[in-house]
Amino acid sequence: MEKKMVLVVDDDADMRKLMEVALQATYRVISASSGKECILAVAKEKPACIVMDVMMDGITDGLETAKLLKEEKMTKDIPIIMLTSVNESYDYRSQIDANFFPHDTWLDKPVKPARLLMEVAARIG
């Protein structure tokens, strides 16, 4: 049986690698380092799930990219797991309206590999 594909999006190469290693035994993993690369990868590959950092090229690059994906008919059903490391200073997640920014869940960075696998599996099996 072919493995389901997960797209990991983060501008931090070390963080991308950690997530790839955590996921690759169970899933086929591809990666992108920006929102722009994410959009191109999704158009080409159609992943089953996306794990994306909030803050990349710009402060809201991940949020804007996720919003674009959720607005498109072809990509709106792809689960998006957002990662953030800024919650300790300000939990802006509570300020975001789910209608403006539909997403599936938030995870704090650094995310434990077991938690990452659990969250991805909960969305795509």
N, C-alpha and C. Protein backbone atom coordinates (compact mmCIF):
# COMPACT_ATOMS: atom_id res chain seq x y z
N MET A 1 0.84 -1.19 0.00
CA MET A 1 0.00 0.00 0.00
C MET A 1 0.88 1.25 0.00
N GLU A 2 0.51 2.19 -0.83
CA GLU A 2 1.29 3.42 -0.93
C GLU A 2 1.06 4.31 0.29
N LYS A 3 2.14 4.90 0.77
CA LYS A 3 2.04 5.80 1.93
C LYS A 3 1.36 7.10 1.55
N LYS A 4 0.57 7.64 2.47
CA LYS A 4 -0.05 8.95 2.25
C LYS A 4 1.03 10.02 2.37
N MET A 5 0.84 11.12 1.64
CA MET A 5 1.85 12.16 1.59
C MET A 5 1.54 13.29 2.57
N VAL A 6 2.57 13.75 3.28
CA VAL A 6 2.49 14.89 4.18
C VAL A 6 3.48 15.94 3.69
N LEU A 7 2.99 17.17 3.60
CA LEU A 7 3.84 18.30 3.23
C LEU A 7 4.22 19.06 4.49
N VAL A 8 5.52 19.19 4.73
CA VAL A 8 6.05 19.93 5.87
C VAL A 8 6.54 21.28 5.36
N VAL A 9 6.04 22.37 5.97
CA VAL A 9 6.40 23.72 5.51
C VAL A 9 6.96 24.51 6.68
N ASP A 10 8.24 24.87 6.57
CA ASP A 10 8.90 25.65 7.62
C ASP A 10 10.14 26.29 7.01
N ASP A 11 10.41 27.54 7.37
CA ASP A 11 11.60 28.20 6.82
C ASP A 11 12.87 27.81 7.58
N ASP A 12 12.73 27.09 8.67
CA ASP A 12 13.87 26.61 9.45
C ASP A 12 14.21 25.20 8.97
N ALA A 13 15.37 25.06 8.31
CA ALA A 13 15.76 23.78 7.72
C ALA A 13 15.89 22.68 8.77
N ASP A 14 16.40 23.00 9.95
CA ASP A 14 16.54 22.00 11.01
C ASP A 14 15.17 21.50 11.48
N MET A 15 14.21 22.42 11.63
CA MET A 15 12.87 22.03 12.05
C MET A 15 12.20 21.15 10.98
N ARG A 16 12.38 21.52 9.71
CA ARG A 16 11.83 20.69 8.62
C ARG A 16 12.39 19.28 8.71
N LYS A 17 13.71 19.17 8.90
CA LYS A 17 14.36 17.87 8.95
C LYS A 17 13.85 17.04 10.12
N LEU A 18 13.69 17.66 11.29
CA LEU A 18 13.16 16.95 12.45
C LEU A 18 11.77 16.39 12.18
N MET A 19 10.92 17.20 11.56
CA MET A 19 9.57 16.74 11.25
C MET A 19 9.58 15.65 10.19
N GLU A 20 10.44 15.80 9.19
CA GLU A 20 10.56 14.78 8.15
C GLU A 20 10.95 13.43 8.76
N VAL A 21 11.96 13.45 9.64
CA VAL A 21 12.43 12.22 10.28
C VAL A 21 11.31 11.60 11.12
N ALA A 22 10.56 12.43 11.84
CA ALA A 22 9.47 11.93 12.68
C ALA A 22 8.36 11.27 11.86
N LEU A 23 8.13 11.78 10.67
CA LEU A 23 6.99 11.33 9.86
C LEU A 23 7.33 10.26 8.81
N GLN A 24 8.59 10.18 8.38
CA GLN A 24 8.91 9.39 7.20
C GLN A 24 8.72 7.88 7.34
N ALA A 25 8.72 7.34 8.53
CA ALA A 25 8.48 5.90 8.67
C ALA A 25 7.04 5.53 8.33
N THR A 26 6.13 6.50 8.54
CA THR A 26 4.71 6.24 8.34
C THR A 26 4.16 6.86 7.07
N TYR A 27 4.72 8.00 6.67
CA TYR A 27 4.19 8.77 5.54
C TYR A 27 5.28 9.09 4.53
N ARG A 28 4.86 9.37 3.32
CA ARG A 28 5.76 9.94 2.32
C ARG A 28 5.80 11.43 2.62
N VAL A 29 6.99 12.00 2.82
CA VAL A 29 7.12 13.38 3.25
C VAL A 29 7.82 14.21 2.18
N ILE A 30 7.21 15.35 1.87
CA ILE A 30 7.84 16.35 1.02
C ILE A 30 7.91 17.63 1.84
N SER A 31 8.74 18.57 1.42
CA SER A 31 8.86 19.78 2.22
C SER A 31 8.96 21.03 1.36
N ALA A 32 8.69 22.16 2.03
CA ALA A 32 8.78 23.48 1.40
C ALA A 32 9.28 24.44 2.47
N SER A 33 9.94 25.51 2.04
CA SER A 33 10.51 26.45 3.01
C SER A 33 9.79 27.79 3.06
N SER A 34 8.68 27.92 2.32
CA SER A 34 7.93 29.18 2.34
C SER A 34 6.49 28.92 1.90
N GLY A 35 5.65 29.92 2.10
CA GLY A 35 4.28 29.81 1.64
C GLY A 35 4.20 29.64 0.14
N LYS A 36 5.05 30.35 -0.58
CA LYS A 36 5.06 30.27 -2.04
C LYS A 36 5.43 28.85 -2.50
N GLU A 37 6.47 28.28 -1.88
CA GLU A 37 6.86 26.91 -2.21
C GLU A 37 5.75 25.92 -1.85
N CYS A 38 5.06 26.20 -0.75
CA CYS A 38 3.95 25.34 -0.32
C CYS A 38 2.86 25.30 -1.39
N ILE A 39 2.46 26.46 -1.87
CA ILE A 39 1.41 26.54 -2.89
C ILE A 39 1.82 25.75 -4.14
N LEU A 40 3.07 25.90 -4.56
CA LEU A 40 3.57 25.17 -5.74
C LEU A 40 3.58 23.66 -5.48
N ALA A 41 4.02 23.25 -4.29
CA ALA A 41 4.08 21.82 -3.96
C ALA A 41 2.68 21.21 -3.90
N VAL A 42 1.73 21.94 -3.34
CA VAL A 42 0.36 21.44 -3.24
C VAL A 42 -0.25 21.28 -4.63
N ALA A 43 0.01 22.23 -5.50
CA ALA A 43 -0.51 22.16 -6.87
C ALA A 43 0.05 20.95 -7.61
N LYS A 44 1.31 20.63 -7.35
CA LYS A 44 1.97 19.53 -8.05
C LYS A 44 1.68 18.17 -7.42
N GLU A 45 1.66 18.10 -6.09
CA GLU A 45 1.63 16.82 -5.39
C GLU A 45 0.31 16.45 -4.72
N LYS A 46 -0.53 17.41 -4.35
CA LYS A 46 -1.79 17.19 -3.62
C LYS A 46 -1.58 16.30 -2.39
N PRO A 47 -0.91 16.83 -1.34
CA PRO A 47 -0.66 16.04 -0.14
C PRO A 47 -1.96 15.74 0.62
N ALA A 48 -1.90 14.71 1.46
CA ALA A 48 -3.05 14.34 2.29
C ALA A 48 -3.17 15.25 3.50
N CYS A 49 -2.04 15.85 3.93
CA CYS A 49 -2.02 16.72 5.10
C CYS A 49 -0.85 17.70 4.97
N ILE A 50 -1.02 18.89 5.57
CA ILE A 50 0.05 19.90 5.57
C ILE A 50 0.35 20.26 7.01
N VAL A 51 1.65 20.25 7.36
CA VAL A 51 2.11 20.70 8.66
C VAL A 51 2.92 21.97 8.38
N MET A 52 2.43 23.13 8.87
CA MET A 52 3.01 24.41 8.45
C MET A 52 3.29 25.35 9.62
N ASP A 53 4.45 25.98 9.56
CA ASP A 53 4.82 27.00 10.53
C ASP A 53 4.03 28.28 10.25
N VAL A 54 3.66 28.97 11.31
CA VAL A 54 2.93 30.23 11.16
C VAL A 54 3.84 31.32 10.62
N MET A 55 5.01 31.49 11.26
CA MET A 55 5.89 32.60 10.92
C MET A 55 7.03 32.13 10.01
N MET A 56 6.95 32.55 8.74
CA MET A 56 8.01 32.21 7.81
C MET A 56 8.53 33.50 7.17
N ASP A 57 8.37 33.65 5.85
CA ASP A 57 8.88 34.83 5.15
C ASP A 57 8.42 36.13 5.80
N GLY A 58 7.17 36.16 6.17
CA GLY A 58 6.63 37.32 6.86
C GLY A 58 5.99 36.81 8.14
N ILE A 59 5.61 37.70 9.01
CA ILE A 59 5.05 37.29 10.29
C ILE A 59 3.84 36.38 10.11
N THR A 60 3.02 36.63 9.10
CA THR A 60 1.80 35.83 8.91
C THR A 60 1.84 34.98 7.66
N ASP A 61 3.00 34.68 7.14
CA ASP A 61 3.10 33.91 5.89
C ASP A 61 2.35 32.58 5.97
N GLY A 62 2.51 31.86 7.07
CA GLY A 62 1.81 30.58 7.21
C GLY A 62 0.30 30.75 7.27
N LEU A 63 -0.15 31.77 8.00
CA LEU A 63 -1.58 32.04 8.10
C LEU A 63 -2.17 32.41 6.74
N GLU A 64 -1.48 33.27 6.01
CA GLU A 64 -1.96 33.70 4.70
C GLU A 64 -1.99 32.53 3.72
N THR A 65 -0.97 31.69 3.77
CA THR A 65 -0.91 30.53 2.89
C THR A 65 -2.05 29.56 3.21
N ALA A 66 -2.27 29.29 4.49
CA ALA A 66 -3.36 28.39 4.88
C ALA A 66 -4.71 28.94 4.43
N LYS A 67 -4.90 30.24 4.58
CA LYS A 67 -6.16 30.87 4.17
C LYS A 67 -6.37 30.69 2.66
N LEU A 68 -5.32 30.91 1.88
CA LEU A 68 -5.41 30.72 0.43
C LEU A 68 -5.81 29.28 0.09
N LEU A 69 -5.18 28.33 0.75
CA LEU A 69 -5.47 26.92 0.48
C LEU A 69 -6.91 26.56 0.85
N LYS A 70 -7.40 27.10 1.95
CA LYS A 70 -8.76 26.78 2.40
C LYS A 70 -9.83 27.47 1.54
N GLU A 71 -9.44 28.50 0.80
CA GLU A 71 -10.39 29.20 -0.07
C GLU A 71 -10.52 28.55 -1.44
N GLU A 72 -9.58 27.68 -1.79
CA GLU A 72 -9.58 27.04 -3.11
C GLU A 72 -10.34 25.71 -3.08
N LYS A 73 -11.18 25.49 -4.06
CA LYS A 73 -11.99 24.27 -4.14
C LYS A 73 -11.14 23.00 -4.12
N MET A 74 -10.03 23.01 -4.85
CA MET A 74 -9.19 21.82 -4.99
C MET A 74 -8.39 21.50 -3.72
N THR A 75 -8.19 22.48 -2.83
CA THR A 75 -7.32 22.27 -1.66
C THR A 75 -8.01 22.50 -0.32
N LYS A 76 -9.26 22.91 -0.34
CA LYS A 76 -9.94 23.30 0.91
C LYS A 76 -10.10 22.16 1.90
N ASP A 77 -10.09 20.92 1.43
CA ASP A 77 -10.29 19.78 2.33
C ASP A 77 -8.99 19.17 2.85
N ILE A 78 -7.85 19.71 2.46
CA ILE A 78 -6.58 19.20 2.97
C ILE A 78 -6.41 19.67 4.42
N PRO A 79 -6.25 18.76 5.38
CA PRO A 79 -6.05 19.19 6.76
C PRO A 79 -4.76 19.99 6.91
N ILE A 80 -4.82 21.05 7.70
CA ILE A 80 -3.65 21.89 7.96
C ILE A 80 -3.40 21.92 9.46
N ILE A 81 -2.19 21.51 9.83
CA ILE A 81 -1.75 21.57 11.22
C ILE A 81 -0.75 22.72 11.31
N MET A 82 -1.09 23.74 12.08
CA MET A 82 -0.23 24.92 12.20
C MET A 82 0.71 24.77 13.39
N LEU A 83 1.95 25.19 13.19
CA LEU A 83 2.96 25.16 14.24
C LEU A 83 3.33 26.59 14.61
N THR A 84 3.53 26.82 15.89
CA THR A 84 3.96 28.14 16.32
C THR A 84 4.84 28.05 17.56
N SER A 85 5.78 28.97 17.66
CA SER A 85 6.66 29.01 18.82
C SER A 85 6.50 30.32 19.59
N VAL A 86 5.50 31.11 19.26
CA VAL A 86 5.35 32.42 19.90
C VAL A 86 4.31 32.45 21.01
N ASN A 87 3.74 31.33 21.36
CA ASN A 87 2.65 31.31 22.34
C ASN A 87 3.05 31.75 23.74
N GLU A 88 4.32 31.57 24.09
CA GLU A 88 4.71 31.92 25.43
C GLU A 88 4.62 33.42 25.69
N SER A 89 4.91 34.23 24.68
CA SER A 89 4.85 35.67 24.89
C SER A 89 3.46 36.24 24.60
N TYR A 90 2.77 35.66 23.64
CA TYR A 90 1.42 36.15 23.32
C TYR A 90 0.65 35.09 22.58
N ASP A 91 -0.42 34.63 23.14
CA ASP A 91 -1.21 33.58 22.50
C ASP A 91 -2.20 34.21 21.52
N TYR A 92 -1.72 34.51 20.32
CA TYR A 92 -2.57 35.16 19.32
C TYR A 92 -3.58 34.20 18.72
N ARG A 93 -3.46 32.92 19.00
CA ARG A 93 -4.42 31.96 18.45
C ARG A 93 -5.84 32.30 18.88
N SER A 94 -5.98 32.80 20.09
CA SER A 94 -7.31 33.14 20.59
C SER A 94 -7.89 34.36 19.89
N GLN A 95 -7.05 35.11 19.16
CA GLN A 95 -7.50 36.31 18.47
C GLN A 95 -7.95 36.03 17.04
N ILE A 96 -7.76 34.79 16.57
CA ILE A 96 -8.04 34.47 15.17
C ILE A 96 -9.41 33.82 15.04
N ASP A 97 -10.25 34.41 14.25
CA ASP A 97 -11.59 33.90 13.99
C ASP A 97 -11.48 32.68 13.08
N ALA A 98 -12.09 31.59 13.46
CA ALA A 98 -12.02 30.35 12.66
C ALA A 98 -12.60 30.54 11.26
N ASN A 99 -13.52 31.48 11.09
CA ASN A 99 -14.06 31.73 9.76
C ASN A 99 -13.04 32.44 8.87
N PHE A 100 -12.24 33.30 9.49
CA PHE A 100 -11.19 33.99 8.73
C PHE A 100 -10.06 33.03 8.41
N PHE A 101 -9.71 32.21 9.38
CA PHE A 101 -8.58 31.31 9.22
C PHE A 101 -8.95 29.89 9.62
N PRO A 102 -9.58 29.16 8.72
CA PRO A 102 -9.93 27.79 9.04
C PRO A 102 -8.68 26.91 9.05
N HIS A 103 -8.50 26.17 10.11
CA HIS A 103 -7.37 25.26 10.23
C HIS A 103 -7.85 24.08 11.06
N ASP A 104 -7.03 23.07 11.17
CA ASP A 104 -7.45 21.87 11.87
C ASP A 104 -6.97 21.81 13.31
N THR A 105 -5.76 22.24 13.55
CA THR A 105 -5.26 22.30 14.93
C THR A 105 -3.99 23.12 14.99
N TRP A 106 -3.61 23.49 16.20
CA TRP A 106 -2.36 24.20 16.48
C TRP A 106 -1.46 23.28 17.29
N LEU A 107 -0.16 23.33 17.02
CA LEU A 107 0.83 22.64 17.84
C LEU A 107 1.93 23.64 18.19
N ASP A 108 2.42 23.55 19.41
CA ASP A 108 3.52 24.42 19.82
C ASP A 108 4.85 23.81 19.41
N LYS A 109 5.75 24.67 18.93
CA LYS A 109 7.11 24.24 18.59
C LYS A 109 7.99 24.44 19.82
N PRO A 110 8.95 23.57 20.03
CA PRO A 110 9.18 22.35 19.24
C PRO A 110 8.16 21.28 19.58
N VAL A 111 7.68 20.61 18.56
CA VAL A 111 6.66 19.59 18.75
C VAL A 111 7.35 18.23 18.95
N LYS A 112 6.85 17.47 19.89
CA LYS A 112 7.39 16.13 20.13
C LYS A 112 6.98 15.23 18.96
N PRO A 113 7.90 14.39 18.48
CA PRO A 113 7.58 13.52 17.34
C PRO A 113 6.32 12.68 17.54
N ALA A 114 6.13 12.12 18.72
CA ALA A 114 4.94 11.30 18.97
C ALA A 114 3.67 12.13 18.84
N ARG A 115 3.69 13.36 19.30
CA ARG A 115 2.50 14.23 19.20
C ARG A 115 2.24 14.59 17.74
N LEU A 116 3.28 14.89 16.98
CA LEU A 116 3.14 15.21 15.57
C LEU A 116 2.51 14.03 14.83
N LEU A 117 3.04 12.83 15.06
CA LEU A 117 2.47 11.63 14.42
C LEU A 117 1.01 11.42 14.81
N MET A 118 0.70 11.63 16.07
CA MET A 118 -0.66 11.44 16.55
C MET A 118 -1.62 12.43 15.85
N GLU A 119 -1.22 13.69 15.74
CA GLU A 119 -2.08 14.70 15.13
C GLU A 119 -2.28 14.45 13.64
N VAL A 120 -1.22 14.06 12.95
CA VAL A 120 -1.34 13.75 11.52
C VAL A 120 -2.23 12.53 11.33
N ALA A 121 -1.99 11.48 12.12
CA ALA A 121 -2.79 10.25 12.02
C ALA A 121 -4.26 10.51 12.31
N ALA A 122 -4.54 11.40 13.23
CA ALA A 122 -5.94 11.73 13.57
C ALA A 122 -6.66 12.36 12.38
N ARG A 123 -5.91 12.97 11.48
CA ARG A 123 -6.53 13.65 10.34
C ARG A 123 -6.54 12.82 9.07
N ILE A 124 -5.54 11.97 8.89
CA ILE A 124 -5.48 11.22 7.63
C ILE A 124 -5.29 9.72 7.79
N GLY A 125 -5.09 9.25 9.00
CA GLY A 125 -4.92 7.82 9.24
C GLY A 125 -3.51 7.35 9.13
